[in-house]
Amino acid sequence: MGALRQKVTTSFHTIANLPWRLAAKTECTKRTSNVKFFSVYIDCNPESESTLWSCDAIVEFRLISQKADIPNFSRQFTNKFNYNSNNWGFPSFMEWNEILNVDKGFIRGDRVVVEAHITVQKVVGVR
């Protein structure tokens, strides 16, 4: 976990007849002010060739605490996913150094646990 050199993705899970997957990576770019961050994203229906679908959803990412006395860390957003915008998330979810700090409680044995809770509000163009 100390490196996370490449993006990691989950398998697809179907919610409201749409395929969703979680992606995580580290990012140290201009948009993160050249500070290394743990970044999390959600993909909705990324392999569809149809331009006729859309999905309004609320997504909450949770970084699960590995210590009983430390609460989970979460961030939430609302988005309209569609053919042109099928990916959204947080490039600056949490500073990488905080993830690696065992005292912060989010890493155990070189692993972190991230959950995505998705509430679909409206789907158009999907059967």
Protein backbone atom coordinates (compact mmCIF):
# COMPACT_ATOMS: atom_id res chain seq x y z
CA MET A 1 0.00 0.00 0.00
CA GLY A 2 2.91 2.34 0.58
CA ALA A 3 3.22 2.87 -3.14
CA LEU A 4 -0.14 2.30 -4.91
CA ARG A 5 1.68 2.78 -8.19
CA GLN A 6 -1.33 2.25 -10.43
CA LYS A 7 -5.08 2.70 -10.38
CA VAL A 8 -7.05 -0.08 -8.69
CA THR A 9 -10.64 -0.82 -9.70
CA THR A 10 -13.33 -3.08 -8.33
CA SER A 11 -15.41 -5.40 -10.45
CA PHE A 12 -18.69 -3.98 -11.75
CA HIS A 13 -21.78 -4.06 -9.51
CA THR A 14 -25.27 -3.51 -10.92
CA ILE A 15 -27.41 -0.80 -9.33
CA ALA A 16 -30.61 0.40 -11.06
CA ASN A 17 -29.71 -1.73 -14.10
CA LEU A 18 -26.42 0.15 -14.56
CA PRO A 19 -22.87 -1.16 -14.03
CA TRP A 20 -20.87 0.74 -11.39
CA ARG A 21 -17.29 0.35 -10.20
CA LEU A 22 -15.05 2.06 -7.69
CA ALA A 23 -11.55 3.22 -8.61
CA ALA A 24 -8.72 4.41 -6.37
CA LYS A 25 -5.25 5.76 -7.06
CA THR A 26 -2.75 8.28 -5.82
CA GLU A 27 -2.39 11.63 -7.51
CA CYS A 28 0.26 14.31 -7.24
CA THR A 29 -0.48 16.89 -9.92
CA LYS A 30 -1.19 20.55 -10.41
CA ARG A 31 -4.85 20.01 -9.48
CA THR A 32 -3.75 18.60 -6.09
CA SER A 33 -1.27 21.48 -5.65
CA ASN A 34 1.56 18.96 -6.20
CA VAL A 35 0.70 17.22 -2.93
CA LYS A 36 0.24 13.44 -3.05
CA PHE A 37 -3.37 12.50 -2.38
CA PHE A 38 -5.42 9.33 -2.24
CA SER A 39 -8.03 9.75 -4.99
CA VAL A 40 -11.34 7.89 -5.33
CA TYR A 41 -13.75 7.81 -8.25
CA ILE A 42 -16.91 6.05 -9.34
CA ASP A 43 -17.56 4.88 -12.90
CA CYS A 44 -21.16 4.53 -14.08
CA ASN A 45 -21.86 2.62 -17.28
CA PRO A 46 -18.44 3.45 -18.80
CA GLU A 47 -18.56 0.83 -21.55
CA SER A 48 -21.92 1.90 -23.00
CA GLU A 49 -21.94 3.16 -26.57
CA SER A 50 -25.41 4.69 -26.15
CA THR A 51 -25.64 8.46 -25.73
CA LEU A 52 -29.29 8.29 -24.62
CA TRP A 53 -28.91 7.32 -20.95
CA SER A 54 -28.46 9.37 -17.79
CA CYS A 55 -28.48 8.71 -14.07
CA ASP A 56 -28.86 11.18 -11.22
CA ALA A 57 -27.19 9.77 -8.13
CA ILE A 58 -25.83 10.64 -4.72
CA VAL A 59 -22.51 8.94 -4.02
CA GLU A 60 -20.82 8.73 -0.64
CA PHE A 61 -17.26 7.43 -0.42
CA ARG A 62 -16.24 6.06 2.99
CA LEU A 63 -12.71 5.34 4.11
CA ILE A 64 -13.31 2.76 6.83
CA SER A 65 -11.46 3.21 10.11
CA GLN A 66 -9.49 0.20 11.30
CA LYS A 67 -9.58 1.45 14.92
CA ALA A 68 -12.71 1.42 17.09
CA ASP A 69 -12.07 4.89 18.54
CA ILE A 70 -11.58 6.62 15.18
CA PRO A 71 -14.61 7.42 12.98
CA ASN A 72 -14.79 6.63 9.28
CA PHE A 73 -13.90 9.44 6.89
CA SER A 74 -16.47 10.22 4.19
CA ARG A 75 -17.22 12.65 1.40
CA GLN A 76 -20.38 12.87 -0.69
CA PHE A 77 -21.46 14.37 -4.00
CA THR A 78 -24.47 14.49 -6.30
CA ASN A 79 -23.94 14.05 -10.02
CA LYS A 80 -25.75 13.43 -13.29
CA PHE A 81 -23.88 10.58 -14.96
CA ASN A 82 -24.24 10.14 -18.72
CA TYR A 83 -22.30 9.14 -21.84
CA ASN A 84 -20.13 12.28 -21.70
CA SER A 85 -19.72 12.26 -17.92
CA ASN A 86 -19.59 8.68 -16.64
CA ASN A 87 -16.86 9.17 -14.04
CA TRP A 88 -16.72 11.43 -10.99
CA GLY A 89 -14.89 11.59 -7.71
CA PHE A 90 -12.33 13.29 -5.54
CA PRO A 91 -8.73 13.70 -6.72
CA SER A 92 -7.99 15.13 -3.23
CA PHE A 93 -9.92 12.66 -1.06
CA MET A 94 -7.29 12.48 1.70
CA GLU A 95 -3.58 13.28 1.83
CA TRP A 96 -1.54 10.16 1.17
CA ASN A 97 0.66 10.75 4.23
CA GLU A 98 -2.45 10.67 6.43
CA ILE A 99 -3.48 7.34 4.89
CA LEU A 100 -0.04 5.88 5.64
CA ASN A 101 0.02 7.19 9.23
CA VAL A 102 -0.99 4.15 11.30
CA ASP A 103 -2.06 6.41 14.18
CA LYS A 104 -4.80 7.92 11.97
CA GLY A 105 -6.39 4.45 11.86
CA PHE A 106 -7.12 3.99 8.17
CA ILE A 107 -4.41 1.53 7.20
CA ARG A 108 -3.79 -1.95 8.56
CA GLY A 109 -1.34 -4.44 7.16
CA ASP A 110 -0.75 -2.38 4.02
CA ARG A 111 -4.51 -2.23 3.23
CA VAL A 112 -7.29 0.32 3.37
CA VAL A 113 -11.03 -0.26 2.98
CA VAL A 114 -13.05 2.10 0.80
CA GLU A 115 -16.80 1.85 0.29
CA ALA A 116 -19.06 3.63 -2.16
CA HIS A 117 -22.69 4.07 -1.14
CA ILE A 118 -24.80 4.95 -4.18
CA THR A 119 -28.34 6.30 -4.05
CA VAL A 120 -29.89 6.45 -7.50
CA GLN A 121 -32.48 9.21 -7.79
CA LYS A 122 -33.46 9.01 -11.46
CA VAL A 123 -32.53 6.91 -14.49
CA VAL A 124 -33.38 7.74 -18.10
CA GLY A 125 -32.80 5.60 -21.20
CA VAL A 126 -32.05 2.32 -19.42
CA ARG A 127 -34.32 -0.72 -19.28
